[in-house]
Amino acid sequence: MATSKNGKARTATGKRASPDTRKAAEQACVEGYRERNEEGHRKAGRDPKDGYRMVKNGGRTVKRVDLGLLDQAIRDRPMLTEDEKLLHHPEGVTSAFTRSDPWRVMRIMSEFVEGFDALAEVQKGVTIFGSARTGPDDPQYEAARETARLLAEQGFAVLTGAGPGIMEAANRGAREAGGHSIGCNIELPFEQGANPYVDTLVNFRYFFVRKTMFIKYSNAFIIFPGGFGTLDELFEALTLIQTGKIYQFPVILFGRHYWAGLVRWIQSRMAGEGKISPGDLDLLVLTDDPREAVQAVVDAHHAQTASMQTP
């Protein structure tokens, strides 16, 4: 938030900060996310709401039932997501609160177990992040598809959030190359369909469980242009590297032009004001070339393997 001359706090767009402004912004934020997600499915020729695939038939575009595209657990979800239930603090019902949360831990544990069980055979993988809105005619879609294809040829499983856009492109490239295409779907406040190129689909209620799977079963993150969710994964990986939790873990920003402003801000503000070390910037790899991105992953994996074999 910014502060105006009259001392009233303002939002980043200059609106007066208030509970009503915040509520409207939160509602618009969720709606915008839903719209971008649905747009990604439509650009790929699918109706995101009813599980139909749009296909060409005799020069006409028709609907063909394909309910397998949708995650039924999300399709039939309650109005309140499990993440929201966990984070909600019910005022005036302390006794119920203390009884419900400990039991919710059991559900969280079971979700970890399900994820570990489903992905146990993934020996090396790479997660590809990016916007759900990116359509098949976008150069970034094709770049993500090619990157995933090259990764699969090198024996890496490809993990995504299972949605449309960049996620679909990555799953598609991995499958076309005969690799392991994995989708980690998440319960949202609206219906979300998985893209049709996922071979192994794992459903999650909790974001933090899903994010653990991305980190645990990945040897690198390749991050295409995206929004808040993409930035969340980017900075979580950087924080884990910075704190010594993971190592030889490439964080690759694909699309120099898109990421240039963020990198300049990190350099001038964060590093310039001493909030991070100057060398922290070297954790980021920037490229526009799928082969460069994949080579960075392969080199890091070889280095990690060698370090584990050294007595």
Protein backbone atom coordinates (compact mmCIF):
# COMPACT_ATOMS: atom_id res chain seq x y z
CA MET A 1 0.00 0.00 0.00
CA ALA A 2 1.03 3.58 -0.58
CA THR A 3 0.31 6.60 1.61
CA SER A 4 -1.09 9.78 0.10
CA LYS A 5 -0.34 13.34 1.20
CA ASN A 6 -3.42 13.49 3.42
CA GLY A 7 -2.20 10.50 5.42
CA LYS A 8 -4.78 8.02 4.11
CA ALA A 9 -3.37 4.64 3.16
CA ARG A 10 -3.84 3.81 -0.52
CA THR A 11 -3.67 0.64 -2.55
CA ALA A 12 -1.08 0.17 -5.30
CA THR A 13 -3.57 1.60 -7.81
CA GLY A 14 -4.30 4.66 -5.67
CA LYS A 15 -7.64 3.62 -4.19
CA ARG A 16 -8.32 4.38 -0.53
CA ALA A 17 -7.54 1.31 1.55
CA SER A 18 -10.59 0.05 3.42
CA PRO A 19 -12.27 -3.26 4.27
CA ASP A 20 -14.70 -2.73 1.37
CA THR A 21 -11.89 -2.04 -1.08
CA ARG A 22 -10.02 -5.10 0.12
CA LYS A 23 -13.12 -7.31 -0.10
CA ALA A 24 -13.82 -6.14 -3.64
CA ALA A 25 -10.20 -6.71 -4.62
CA GLU A 26 -10.18 -10.22 -3.14
CA GLN A 27 -13.38 -11.15 -4.97
CA ALA A 28 -12.06 -9.70 -8.23
CA CYS A 29 -8.78 -11.56 -7.72
CA VAL A 30 -10.51 -14.96 -7.42
CA GLU A 31 -12.78 -14.20 -10.35
CA GLY A 32 -9.83 -13.09 -12.48
CA TYR A 33 -7.96 -16.29 -11.70
CA ARG A 34 -11.00 -18.35 -12.68
CA GLU A 35 -11.40 -16.42 -15.93
CA ARG A 36 -7.75 -16.89 -16.89
CA ASN A 37 -7.97 -20.59 -16.13
CA GLU A 38 -11.10 -21.02 -18.24
CA GLU A 39 -9.61 -18.95 -21.04
CA GLY A 40 -6.65 -21.33 -21.18
CA HIS A 41 -8.99 -24.29 -21.66
CA ARG A 42 -11.00 -22.48 -24.33
CA LYS A 43 -7.87 -21.56 -26.28
CA ALA A 44 -7.04 -25.26 -26.33
CA GLY A 45 -10.51 -26.07 -27.70
CA ARG A 46 -12.16 -27.29 -24.50
CA ASP A 47 -15.16 -26.12 -22.53
CA PRO A 48 -13.85 -25.80 -18.96
CA LYS A 49 -17.25 -25.97 -17.26
CA ASP A 50 -18.88 -29.15 -18.45
CA GLY A 51 -15.99 -31.40 -19.38
CA TYR A 52 -16.65 -31.39 -23.10
CA ARG A 53 -13.96 -31.29 -25.73
CA MET A 54 -14.55 -28.98 -28.70
CA VAL A 55 -13.77 -30.93 -31.88
CA LYS A 56 -14.06 -30.39 -35.63
CA ASN A 57 -16.61 -32.56 -37.40
CA GLY A 58 -17.43 -32.02 -41.05
CA GLY A 59 -16.34 -28.40 -40.93
CA ARG A 60 -18.40 -27.73 -37.79
CA THR A 61 -17.20 -27.31 -34.21
CA VAL A 62 -19.12 -29.69 -31.98
CA LYS A 63 -18.97 -30.87 -28.38
CA ARG A 64 -17.87 -34.36 -27.48
CA VAL A 65 -18.24 -35.61 -23.91
CA ASP A 66 -14.87 -36.01 -22.22
CA LEU A 67 -15.51 -35.99 -18.48
CA GLY A 68 -12.09 -37.51 -17.93
CA LEU A 69 -10.66 -34.04 -18.45
CA LEU A 70 -12.14 -32.90 -15.16
CA ASP A 71 -11.00 -33.71 -11.67
CA GLN A 72 -14.19 -35.01 -10.10
CA ALA A 73 -12.95 -34.40 -6.57
CA ILE A 74 -12.76 -30.70 -7.41
CA ARG A 75 -15.89 -30.79 -9.54
CA ASP A 76 -17.94 -31.97 -6.54
CA ARG A 77 -16.11 -29.92 -3.91
CA PRO A 78 -17.85 -28.04 -1.05
CA MET A 79 -18.17 -24.26 -1.25
CA LEU A 80 -15.45 -23.78 1.37
CA THR A 81 -12.05 -25.15 0.35
CA GLU A 82 -9.99 -27.19 2.79
CA ASP A 83 -7.24 -24.56 2.78
CA GLU A 84 -9.80 -21.95 3.78
CA LYS A 85 -11.20 -24.13 6.55
CA LEU A 86 -7.72 -24.66 7.94
CA LEU A 87 -6.82 -20.97 7.93
CA HIS A 88 -10.20 -19.75 9.19
CA HIS A 89 -10.31 -18.75 12.86
CA PRO A 90 -13.92 -19.06 14.04
CA GLU A 91 -14.65 -16.46 16.70
CA GLY A 92 -16.68 -17.56 19.72
CA VAL A 93 -16.40 -21.32 19.09
CA THR A 94 -13.16 -22.17 20.85
CA SER A 95 -14.24 -25.64 21.91
CA ALA A 96 -15.24 -26.67 18.38
CA PHE A 97 -12.06 -25.13 17.01
CA THR A 98 -9.80 -27.15 19.33
CA ARG A 99 -11.62 -30.35 18.45
CA SER A 100 -11.67 -29.92 14.67
CA ASP A 101 -8.12 -28.81 13.88
CA PRO A 102 -6.29 -31.75 15.49
CA TRP A 103 -8.44 -34.10 13.41
CA ARG A 104 -7.73 -32.08 10.30
CA VAL A 105 -4.08 -32.98 10.81
CA MET A 106 -5.02 -36.57 10.00
CA ARG A 107 -6.41 -35.47 6.64
CA ILE A 108 -3.26 -33.49 5.95
CA MET A 109 -1.14 -36.53 6.82
CA SER A 110 -3.18 -38.72 4.52
CA GLU A 111 -2.71 -36.24 1.69
CA PHE A 112 1.06 -36.36 2.15
CA VAL A 113 0.94 -40.16 2.14
CA GLU A 114 -1.18 -40.24 -1.03
CA GLY A 115 1.20 -37.88 -2.79
CA PHE A 116 4.32 -39.76 -1.71
CA ASP A 117 2.75 -43.04 -2.77
CA ALA A 118 1.67 -41.78 -6.19
CA LEU A 119 5.06 -40.22 -6.99
CA ALA A 120 7.38 -42.67 -5.23
CA GLU A 121 8.89 -43.94 -8.49
CA VAL A 122 9.91 -40.49 -9.73
CA GLN A 123 13.70 -40.59 -9.50
CA LYS A 124 14.36 -37.32 -11.29
CA GLY A 125 11.89 -34.68 -12.38
CA VAL A 126 11.46 -31.05 -13.34
CA THR A 127 8.47 -28.86 -12.56
CA ILE A 128 7.41 -26.35 -15.19
CA PHE A 129 5.34 -23.39 -14.04
CA GLY A 130 3.57 -20.66 -15.99
CA SER A 131 0.30 -19.01 -16.88
CA ALA A 132 -2.87 -21.03 -17.41
CA ARG A 133 -3.96 -18.40 -19.92
CA THR A 134 -1.31 -19.13 -22.56
CA GLY A 135 -2.90 -20.57 -25.70
CA PRO A 136 -1.47 -23.12 -28.19
CA ASP A 137 -0.78 -20.35 -30.71
CA ASP A 138 1.48 -18.49 -28.26
CA PRO A 139 5.27 -18.91 -28.80
CA GLN A 140 5.66 -19.52 -25.07
CA TYR A 141 3.32 -22.51 -25.30
CA GLU A 142 5.45 -24.05 -28.01
CA ALA A 143 8.63 -23.27 -26.06
CA ALA A 144 7.26 -25.02 -22.96
CA ARG A 145 6.19 -27.99 -25.07
CA GLU A 146 9.66 -28.23 -26.62
CA THR A 147 11.38 -27.83 -23.25
CA ALA A 148 9.33 -30.67 -21.78
CA ARG A 149 10.01 -32.85 -24.81
CA LEU A 150 13.76 -32.37 -24.41
CA LEU A 151 13.55 -33.06 -20.67
CA ALA A 152 11.66 -36.29 -21.29
CA GLU A 153 14.29 -37.36 -23.80
CA GLN A 154 16.87 -36.89 -21.04
CA GLY A 155 14.88 -39.14 -18.73
CA PHE A 156 13.25 -36.47 -16.56
CA ALA A 157 9.63 -36.70 -15.47
CA VAL A 158 7.74 -33.45 -16.05
CA LEU A 159 5.51 -32.10 -13.28
CA THR A 160 2.96 -29.30 -13.59
CA GLY A 161 -0.12 -27.94 -11.83
CA ALA A 162 -2.25 -29.99 -14.30
CA GLY A 163 -4.10 -26.98 -15.68
CA PRO A 164 -4.25 -25.42 -19.15
CA GLY A 165 -1.77 -23.01 -20.75
CA ILE A 166 1.91 -23.52 -20.01
CA MET A 167 1.06 -26.49 -17.80
CA GLU A 168 -0.75 -28.20 -20.64
CA ALA A 169 2.11 -27.47 -23.04
CA ALA A 170 4.61 -29.07 -20.67
CA ASN A 171 2.49 -32.18 -20.07
CA ARG A 172 1.89 -32.44 -23.80
CA GLY A 173 5.59 -32.24 -24.67
CA ALA A 174 6.49 -34.86 -22.09
CA ARG A 175 3.84 -37.29 -23.29
CA GLU A 176 4.73 -36.81 -26.96
CA ALA A 177 8.33 -37.73 -26.15
CA GLY A 178 7.24 -40.85 -24.26
CA GLY A 179 8.14 -39.36 -20.88
CA HIS A 180 6.29 -39.35 -17.58
CA SER A 181 3.72 -36.53 -17.57
CA ILE A 182 2.53 -35.66 -14.05
CA GLY A 183 -0.16 -33.22 -12.93
CA CYS A 184 -0.60 -32.02 -9.35
CA ASN A 185 -4.12 -30.58 -9.26
CA ILE A 186 -5.41 -28.31 -6.49
CA GLU A 187 -8.85 -27.72 -5.01
CA LEU A 188 -9.98 -24.18 -5.84
CA PRO A 189 -13.08 -22.10 -5.04
CA PHE A 190 -14.28 -22.95 -8.55
CA GLU A 191 -14.22 -25.95 -10.82
CA GLN A 192 -10.83 -26.65 -12.41
CA GLY A 193 -10.29 -29.20 -15.16
CA ALA A 194 -7.05 -31.10 -15.66
CA ASN A 195 -5.55 -30.92 -19.13
CA PRO A 196 -5.80 -34.11 -21.26
CA TYR A 197 -2.03 -34.72 -21.45
CA VAL A 198 -1.55 -35.77 -17.82
CA ASP A 199 -0.62 -39.44 -17.31
CA THR A 200 -0.44 -39.37 -13.51
CA LEU A 201 -2.93 -37.03 -11.83
CA VAL A 202 -2.65 -36.35 -8.11
CA ASN A 203 -5.32 -34.24 -6.41
CA PHE A 204 -4.57 -31.98 -3.45
CA ARG A 205 -6.70 -29.98 -1.04
CA TYR A 206 -3.83 -28.09 0.55
CA PHE A 207 -1.41 -25.83 -1.30
CA PHE A 208 1.47 -26.52 1.07
CA VAL A 209 1.20 -30.28 0.53
CA ARG A 210 1.18 -29.81 -3.22
CA LYS A 211 4.17 -27.46 -3.05
CA THR A 212 6.08 -30.05 -1.04
CA MET A 213 5.56 -32.56 -3.87
CA PHE A 214 6.89 -30.11 -6.45
CA ILE A 215 10.07 -29.57 -4.43
CA LYS A 216 10.56 -33.17 -3.31
CA TYR A 217 10.22 -34.74 -6.75
CA SER A 218 11.97 -32.04 -8.80
CA ASN A 219 15.61 -31.47 -9.60
CA ALA A 220 14.86 -28.02 -11.00
CA PHE A 221 12.12 -25.46 -11.63
CA ILE A 222 11.63 -23.94 -15.06
CA ILE A 223 9.45 -20.88 -14.74
CA PHE A 224 7.64 -19.41 -17.72
CA PRO A 225 5.75 -16.08 -17.62
CA GLY A 226 2.91 -16.25 -15.10
CA GLY A 227 1.19 -14.53 -12.20
CA PHE A 228 1.11 -14.67 -8.41
CA GLY A 229 1.14 -18.48 -8.21
CA THR A 230 4.17 -18.64 -10.47
CA LEU A 231 5.99 -16.03 -8.36
CA ASP A 232 5.08 -17.97 -5.22
CA GLU A 233 6.85 -21.07 -6.49
CA LEU A 234 9.81 -19.01 -7.72
CA PHE A 235 10.49 -17.34 -4.39
CA GLU A 236 9.85 -20.47 -2.35
CA ALA A 237 12.57 -22.28 -4.32
CA LEU A 238 14.97 -19.34 -3.91
CA THR A 239 14.29 -19.24 -0.16
CA LEU A 240 14.95 -22.97 0.24
CA ILE A 241 18.23 -22.62 -1.64
CA GLN A 242 19.20 -19.52 0.35
CA THR A 243 18.59 -21.33 3.63
CA GLY A 244 20.47 -24.46 2.60
CA LYS A 245 17.45 -26.77 2.40
CA ILE A 246 18.08 -27.78 -1.23
CA TYR A 247 21.19 -27.53 -3.41
CA GLN A 248 22.22 -27.88 -7.06
CA PHE A 249 18.64 -26.90 -7.83
CA PRO A 250 18.45 -24.69 -10.94
CA VAL A 251 15.78 -21.99 -10.96
CA ILE A 252 15.35 -21.07 -14.61
CA LEU A 253 13.38 -18.04 -15.74
CA PHE A 254 12.24 -18.63 -19.30
CA GLY A 255 11.53 -15.43 -21.24
CA ARG A 256 14.18 -12.76 -20.69
CA HIS A 257 11.94 -9.86 -21.68
CA TYR A 258 9.13 -10.84 -19.31
CA TRP A 259 11.41 -11.33 -16.30
CA ALA A 260 13.80 -8.44 -16.97
CA GLY A 261 11.88 -5.91 -14.84
CA LEU A 262 11.70 -8.24 -11.84
CA VAL A 263 15.40 -9.08 -12.08
CA ARG A 264 16.30 -5.38 -12.28
CA TRP A 265 14.18 -4.68 -9.18
CA ILE A 266 15.81 -7.54 -7.25
CA GLN A 267 19.23 -6.22 -8.25
CA SER A 268 18.59 -2.54 -7.55
CA ARG A 269 16.39 -2.83 -4.48
CA MET A 270 16.97 -6.14 -2.71
CA ALA A 271 20.67 -6.47 -3.46
CA GLY A 272 21.29 -2.72 -3.71
CA GLU A 273 19.90 -2.12 -0.21
CA GLY A 274 21.57 -5.17 1.30
CA LYS A 275 18.40 -7.21 1.78
CA ILE A 276 20.04 -10.12 -0.08
CA SER A 277 23.65 -10.89 -0.96
CA PRO A 278 24.86 -9.79 -4.42
CA GLY A 279 25.68 -13.40 -5.22
CA ASP A 280 22.07 -14.44 -4.66
CA LEU A 281 21.27 -13.15 -8.13
CA ASP A 282 23.42 -15.93 -9.57
CA LEU A 283 20.80 -18.41 -8.37
CA LEU A 284 18.64 -17.29 -11.30
CA VAL A 285 19.21 -18.53 -14.83
CA LEU A 286 17.60 -16.53 -17.64
CA THR A 287 17.09 -17.96 -21.10
CA ASP A 288 14.89 -17.94 -24.20
CA ASP A 289 16.21 -21.26 -25.48
CA PRO A 290 14.67 -24.64 -24.50
CA ARG A 291 17.99 -26.39 -25.11
CA GLU A 292 19.83 -24.01 -22.80
CA ALA A 293 17.24 -24.56 -20.09
CA VAL A 294 17.47 -28.33 -20.35
CA GLN A 295 21.27 -28.31 -20.44
CA ALA A 296 21.33 -26.30 -17.20
CA VAL A 297 19.12 -28.96 -15.60
CA VAL A 298 21.26 -31.83 -16.90
CA ASP A 299 24.52 -30.21 -15.75
CA ALA A 300 23.14 -29.57 -12.25
CA HIS A 301 21.86 -33.14 -11.99
CA HIS A 302 25.25 -34.52 -12.97
CA ALA A 303 26.93 -32.29 -10.38
CA GLN A 304 24.50 -33.38 -7.68
CA THR A 305 24.94 -37.05 -8.55
CA ALA A 306 28.73 -36.70 -8.48
CA SER A 307 28.68 -34.97 -5.09
CA MET A 308 26.59 -37.79 -3.62
CA GLN A 309 29.07 -40.40 -4.88
CA THR A 310 32.12 -38.59 -3.51
CA PRO A 311 33.24 -40.19 -0.21
